[in-house]
Protein backbone atom coordinates (compact mmCIF):
# COMPACT_ATOMS: atom_id res chain seq x y z
CA UNK A 1 -4.81 7.93 -25.15
CA UNK A 2 -3.57 4.85 -23.30
CA UNK A 3 -1.10 4.83 -20.41
CA UNK A 4 1.98 4.18 -22.55
CA UNK A 5 1.06 7.05 -24.88
CA UNK A 6 0.58 9.29 -21.86
CA UNK A 7 3.96 8.19 -20.50
CA UNK A 8 5.62 9.07 -23.82
CA UNK A 9 3.96 12.50 -23.81
CA UNK A 10 5.05 13.17 -20.21
CA UNK A 11 8.63 12.17 -21.08
CA UNK A 12 8.56 14.39 -24.16
CA UNK A 13 7.20 17.47 -22.35
CA UNK A 14 8.80 17.04 -18.93
CA UNK A 15 11.78 14.68 -19.26
CA UNK A 16 12.86 15.06 -15.63
CA UNK A 17 9.45 14.04 -14.24
CA UNK A 18 9.49 10.83 -12.23
CA UNK A 19 6.66 8.61 -13.45
CA UNK A 20 5.24 5.57 -11.68
CA UNK A 21 2.97 3.27 -13.68
CA UNK A 22 0.14 1.62 -11.73
CA UNK A 23 -1.82 -0.89 -13.79
CA UNK A 24 -4.35 -3.67 -13.51
CA UNK A 25 -3.39 -5.05 -16.92
CA UNK A 26 0.22 -5.88 -16.24
CA UNK A 27 2.28 -8.13 -18.42
CA UNK A 28 6.00 -8.61 -18.49
CA UNK A 29 6.09 -7.03 -21.95
CA UNK A 30 4.13 -3.95 -20.85
CA UNK A 31 6.47 -3.50 -17.87
CA UNK A 32 9.51 -3.65 -20.13
CA UNK A 33 7.96 -1.20 -22.60
CA UNK A 34 7.03 1.23 -19.80
CA UNK A 35 10.52 1.09 -18.30
CA UNK A 36 12.10 1.62 -21.72
CA UNK A 37 9.86 4.64 -22.25
CA UNK A 38 11.14 6.23 -19.05
CA UNK A 39 8.90 5.02 -16.24
CA UNK A 40 10.76 5.12 -12.93
CA UNK A 41 8.71 2.31 -11.46
CA UNK A 42 5.96 -0.12 -12.44
CA UNK A 43 3.40 -1.41 -9.94
CA UNK A 44 0.84 -4.10 -10.63
CA UNK A 45 -2.63 -4.07 -9.05
CA UNK A 46 -3.63 -5.16 -6.54
CA UNK A 47 -1.02 -3.22 -4.62
CA UNK A 48 -1.08 -2.16 -0.99
CA UNK A 49 -1.08 1.47 0.10
CA UNK A 50 2.17 0.72 1.94
CA UNK A 51 3.82 -0.45 -1.28
CA UNK A 52 2.59 2.62 -3.19
CA UNK A 53 3.77 4.90 -0.38
CA UNK A 54 7.18 3.20 -0.34
CA UNK A 55 7.48 3.57 -4.12
CA UNK A 56 6.50 7.25 -4.08
CA UNK A 57 8.77 7.92 -1.12
CA UNK A 58 11.79 6.29 -2.80
CA UNK A 59 11.26 8.34 -5.94
CA UNK A 60 10.71 11.59 -4.03
CA UNK A 61 13.77 11.03 -1.86
CA UNK A 62 15.85 10.82 -5.02
CA UNK A 63 14.99 14.41 -5.89
CA UNK A 64 16.36 16.98 -3.40
CA UNK A 65 13.62 19.63 -3.79
CA UNK A 66 10.77 17.13 -3.65
CA UNK A 67 12.47 15.35 -0.71
CA UNK A 68 12.57 18.55 1.34
CA UNK A 69 8.92 19.32 0.56
CA UNK A 70 7.82 15.71 1.26
CA UNK A 71 9.60 15.58 4.62
CA UNK A 72 8.22 19.00 5.63
CA UNK A 73 4.64 18.10 4.68
CA UNK A 74 4.79 14.77 6.50
CA UNK A 75 6.71 15.85 9.60
CA UNK A 76 3.68 15.48 11.89
CA UNK A 77 2.54 12.19 10.36
CA UNK A 78 3.97 8.80 11.20
CA UNK A 79 5.35 8.19 7.72
CA UNK A 80 8.28 5.78 7.63
CA UNK A 81 11.23 7.72 6.26
CA UNK A 82 13.98 5.78 4.57
CA UNK A 83 17.22 6.10 6.47
CA UNK A 84 20.38 7.13 4.69
CA UNK A 85 23.16 4.61 4.22
CA UNK A 86 25.86 4.66 6.89
CA UNK A 87 28.49 5.59 4.35
CA UNK A 88 27.52 8.63 2.35
CA UNK A 89 30.25 8.41 -0.29
CA UNK A 90 31.63 5.72 -2.55
CA UNK A 91 34.82 6.23 -4.55
CA UNK A 92 36.66 4.07 -7.03
CA UNK A 93 39.18 4.90 -9.73
CA UNK A 94 36.36 5.71 -12.19
CA UNK A 95 33.26 6.33 -10.11
CA UNK A 96 32.15 8.70 -7.34
CA UNK A 97 28.78 8.44 -5.57
CA UNK A 98 27.20 10.74 -3.01
CA UNK A 99 24.24 8.82 -1.59
CA UNK A 100 22.80 11.83 0.22
CA UNK A 101 22.64 13.95 -2.93
CA UNK A 102 21.96 11.01 -5.27
CA UNK A 103 24.95 12.17 -7.29
CA UNK A 104 27.03 9.92 -9.52
CA UNK A 105 30.14 11.09 -11.34
CA UNK A 106 32.13 9.08 -13.85
CA UNK A 107 35.59 10.45 -14.63
CA UNK A 108 34.53 13.76 -13.02
CA UNK A 109 31.45 14.04 -15.28
CA UNK A 110 28.05 14.15 -13.56
CA UNK A 111 25.61 11.48 -14.75
CA UNK A 112 21.85 11.91 -14.88
CA UNK A 113 20.52 8.65 -13.45
CA UNK A 114 16.91 7.80 -12.71
CA UNK A 115 16.12 6.83 -9.11
CA UNK A 116 15.96 3.16 -10.14
CA UNK A 117 19.30 3.34 -11.99
CA UNK A 118 20.91 5.05 -8.99
CA UNK A 119 19.53 2.43 -6.60
CA UNK A 120 20.66 -0.43 -8.86
CA UNK A 121 24.17 0.93 -9.07
CA UNK A 122 24.26 1.64 -5.35
CA UNK A 123 23.09 -1.88 -4.49
CA UNK A 124 25.68 -3.44 -6.80
CA UNK A 125 28.42 -1.22 -5.31
CA UNK A 126 27.41 -2.12 -1.75
CA UNK A 127 27.59 -5.83 -2.59
CA UNK A 128 30.57 -5.79 -4.95
CA UNK A 129 32.05 -8.89 -3.35
CA UNK A 130 29.35 -11.15 -4.83
CA UNK A 131 27.08 -11.80 -7.81
CA UNK A 132 23.55 -10.42 -7.37
CA UNK A 133 20.67 -12.21 -9.08
CA UNK A 134 18.08 -10.24 -11.05
CA UNK A 135 15.38 -11.30 -8.58
CA UNK A 136 17.42 -9.99 -5.64
CA UNK A 137 18.13 -6.71 -7.44
CA UNK A 138 14.46 -6.21 -8.23
CA UNK A 139 13.44 -7.04 -4.65
CA UNK A 140 16.06 -4.71 -3.15
CA UNK A 141 15.59 -1.78 -5.52
CA UNK A 142 11.89 -1.84 -6.37
CA UNK A 143 10.34 -4.12 -3.79
CA UNK A 144 9.13 -6.70 -6.33
CA UNK A 145 9.27 -10.31 -5.24
CA UNK A 146 9.15 -12.34 -8.43
CA UNK A 147 10.93 -15.36 -9.81
CA UNK A 148 14.34 -15.04 -11.44
CA UNK A 149 13.03 -15.79 -14.94
CA UNK A 150 10.52 -12.92 -14.75
CA UNK A 151 13.01 -10.56 -13.09
CA UNK A 152 15.76 -10.96 -15.71
CA UNK A 153 14.16 -9.00 -18.60
CA UNK A 154 13.07 -6.17 -16.30
CA UNK A 155 16.49 -5.81 -14.70
CA UNK A 156 18.18 -6.21 -18.10
CA UNK A 157 16.43 -3.05 -19.36
CA UNK A 158 17.60 -1.03 -16.35
CA UNK A 159 21.14 -2.41 -16.61
CA UNK A 160 21.25 -1.53 -20.33
CA UNK A 161 20.20 2.05 -19.57
CA UNK A 162 22.70 2.24 -16.72
CA UNK A 163 25.53 0.83 -18.83
CA UNK A 164 24.74 3.30 -21.60
CA UNK A 165 25.01 6.22 -19.16
CA UNK A 166 28.18 4.75 -17.65
CA UNK A 167 29.70 4.15 -21.12
CA UNK A 168 30.20 0.58 -19.95
CA UNK A 169 30.33 -1.82 -22.89
CA UNK A 170 28.71 -5.18 -22.07
CA UNK A 171 31.33 -6.94 -24.21
CA UNK A 172 34.26 -5.50 -22.25
CA UNK A 173 32.74 -4.22 -19.00
CA UNK A 174 34.72 -1.93 -16.72
CA UNK A 175 32.02 -1.43 -14.08
CA UNK A 176 29.15 -3.94 -14.29
CA UNK A 177 29.83 -7.57 -15.11
CA UNK A 178 27.07 -9.88 -16.32
CA UNK A 179 27.70 -13.35 -14.88
CA UNK A 180 25.82 -15.52 -17.35
CA UNK A 181 22.87 -17.33 -15.75
CA UNK A 182 23.65 -15.89 -12.31
CA UNK A 183 23.23 -12.11 -12.31
CA UNK A 184 25.40 -9.00 -12.08
CA UNK A 185 28.45 -7.88 -10.14
CA UNK A 186 30.10 -4.47 -9.73
CA UNK A 187 33.74 -4.72 -10.78
CA UNK A 188 34.80 -1.06 -11.02
């Protein structure tokens, strides 16, 4: 069984499990396939322990039970803990976000977003006054520093998943606007 088959089996058996792919055989296509199959993050070897720790921490902090356990287990260690945003809540006519609880509601209906989808949406909301390039989104949300051309297909997959959950049609967007050749902007 290869890694992508294992990822599919994990998603089938435990759909709420956060999965991080760590590979030495990374290609852009394999990253896109892994993200489409439900991976929360995709790291390419060689990768530093700090980067792995940051990735795990971000994904654990998105889940309240795991966050509590992680913080308790690492209380005596000098583990950098991500600080919460200054403003806990975001509200618009359609959308409500609670950054502390990683809760997103659309028209009073709770959405089930992955940690990456939540972070993407949050970053777009925090910078709604401007267009955000795919490379900037990937750097801010997942810590990847890659060129715009390589970032676009990866971010596109996440944006498609996010739009699907937000019922946001790309043709007539109400929340996330694609600015052709430039990136994305929150318009809700």
